[in-house]
Amino acid sequence: MNRPQEPDASIKYAADLYNVKEVTLHGTADLSFWETVLHKENLFPYHERGKAVLSLSAIEAKWRGSGLKSLLWLLELALMKME
């Protein structure tokens, strides 16, 4: 894989990673379950068509010779209760 062009100098990052492998899955979950769980924290799940929206993302990369692996589990939240 070719290395991308030099990054924009006006944007500062802690590290630039190249040759990153990433997989992202988007799906839905039981809305009533997440409403019950999040209610205790005064949070509200974002939902579409009666289902809570969630994502899973996994990456694999190398930085300075060290292997990095990450798995993120994300439940989208709304700022207020959606009708």
Protein backbone atom coordinates (compact mmCIF):
# COMPACT_ATOMS: atom_id res chain seq x y z
CA MET A 1 0.00 0.00 0.00
CA ASN A 2 1.34 3.44 -0.89
CA ARG A 3 1.88 5.96 1.84
CA PRO A 4 -0.62 8.84 1.67
CA GLN A 5 0.40 12.40 0.99
CA GLU A 6 1.93 14.36 3.84
CA PRO A 7 -0.69 15.29 6.45
CA ASP A 8 -2.04 18.82 6.71
CA ALA A 9 0.47 20.68 8.92
CA SER A 10 -2.32 22.71 10.55
CA ILE A 11 -3.79 19.55 12.15
CA LYS A 12 -1.79 18.14 15.07
CA TYR A 13 -1.99 14.48 16.07
CA ALA A 14 -0.08 12.45 18.66
CA ALA A 15 0.79 9.88 15.96
CA ASP A 16 0.23 9.19 12.26
CA LEU A 17 -0.65 5.56 11.55
CA TYR A 18 -0.36 3.97 8.12
CA ASN A 19 -1.57 0.61 6.83
CA VAL A 20 -4.38 0.40 9.40
CA LYS A 21 -6.86 -2.45 9.06
CA GLU A 22 -10.36 -1.53 10.25
CA VAL A 23 -13.72 -3.25 10.31
CA THR A 24 -16.90 -1.48 11.44
CA LEU A 25 -20.29 -3.10 11.93
CA HIS A 26 -23.46 -1.07 12.41
CA GLY A 27 -26.55 -2.64 13.93
CA THR A 28 -29.49 -2.33 16.24
CA ALA A 29 -30.40 -3.57 19.71
CA ASP A 30 -33.45 -3.91 21.92
CA LEU A 31 -34.62 -0.34 22.65
CA SER A 32 -36.59 -1.09 25.83
CA PHE A 33 -33.56 -2.82 27.40
CA TRP A 34 -31.29 0.17 26.77
CA GLU A 35 -33.93 2.67 27.91
CA THR A 36 -34.13 0.80 31.23
CA VAL A 37 -30.35 0.55 31.67
CA LEU A 38 -29.63 4.18 30.72
CA HIS A 39 -32.58 5.67 32.63
CA LYS A 40 -30.58 5.31 35.89
CA GLU A 41 -27.97 7.70 34.47
CA ASN A 42 -30.54 10.09 32.94
CA LEU A 43 -29.31 9.11 29.47
CA PHE A 44 -31.35 8.16 26.42
CA PRO A 45 -30.46 5.77 23.59
CA TYR A 46 -30.60 7.16 20.07
CA HIS A 47 -33.00 5.04 18.08
CA GLU A 48 -34.31 4.50 14.59
CA ARG A 49 -37.43 2.50 13.69
CA GLY A 50 -37.92 1.39 17.30
CA LYS A 51 -34.39 -0.02 17.79
CA ALA A 52 -31.36 1.34 19.65
CA VAL A 53 -28.44 2.08 17.32
CA LEU A 54 -25.01 0.59 18.02
CA SER A 55 -21.65 0.03 16.33
CA LEU A 56 -18.68 -2.28 16.73
CA SER A 57 -15.30 -1.22 15.39
CA ALA A 58 -12.03 -3.17 15.40
CA ILE A 59 -8.62 -1.93 14.27
CA GLU A 60 -5.18 -3.42 13.87
CA ALA A 61 -2.14 -1.22 13.24
CA LYS A 62 1.54 -0.79 13.98
CA TRP A 63 3.18 2.27 15.47
CA ARG A 64 6.92 2.48 16.00
CA GLY A 65 7.14 -1.29 15.60
CA SER A 66 4.52 -2.06 18.26
CA GLY A 67 1.34 -3.85 17.33
CA LEU A 68 -1.90 -2.12 18.29
CA LYS A 69 -5.33 -3.75 18.45
CA SER A 70 -8.53 -2.08 19.55
CA LEU A 71 -12.17 -3.09 19.81
CA LEU A 72 -14.78 -0.38 20.37
CA TRP A 73 -18.38 -1.03 21.32
CA LEU A 74 -20.56 2.06 20.84
CA LEU A 75 -24.16 2.74 21.78
CA GLU A 76 -25.37 6.03 20.34
CA LEU A 77 -26.98 8.41 22.82
CA ALA A 78 -29.49 11.22 22.39
CA LEU A 79 -29.39 14.46 24.40
CA MET A 80 -33.04 14.12 25.34
CA LYS A 81 -35.76 11.52 25.15
CA MET A 82 -36.79 10.88 21.56
CA GLU A 83 -40.43 10.23 20.65
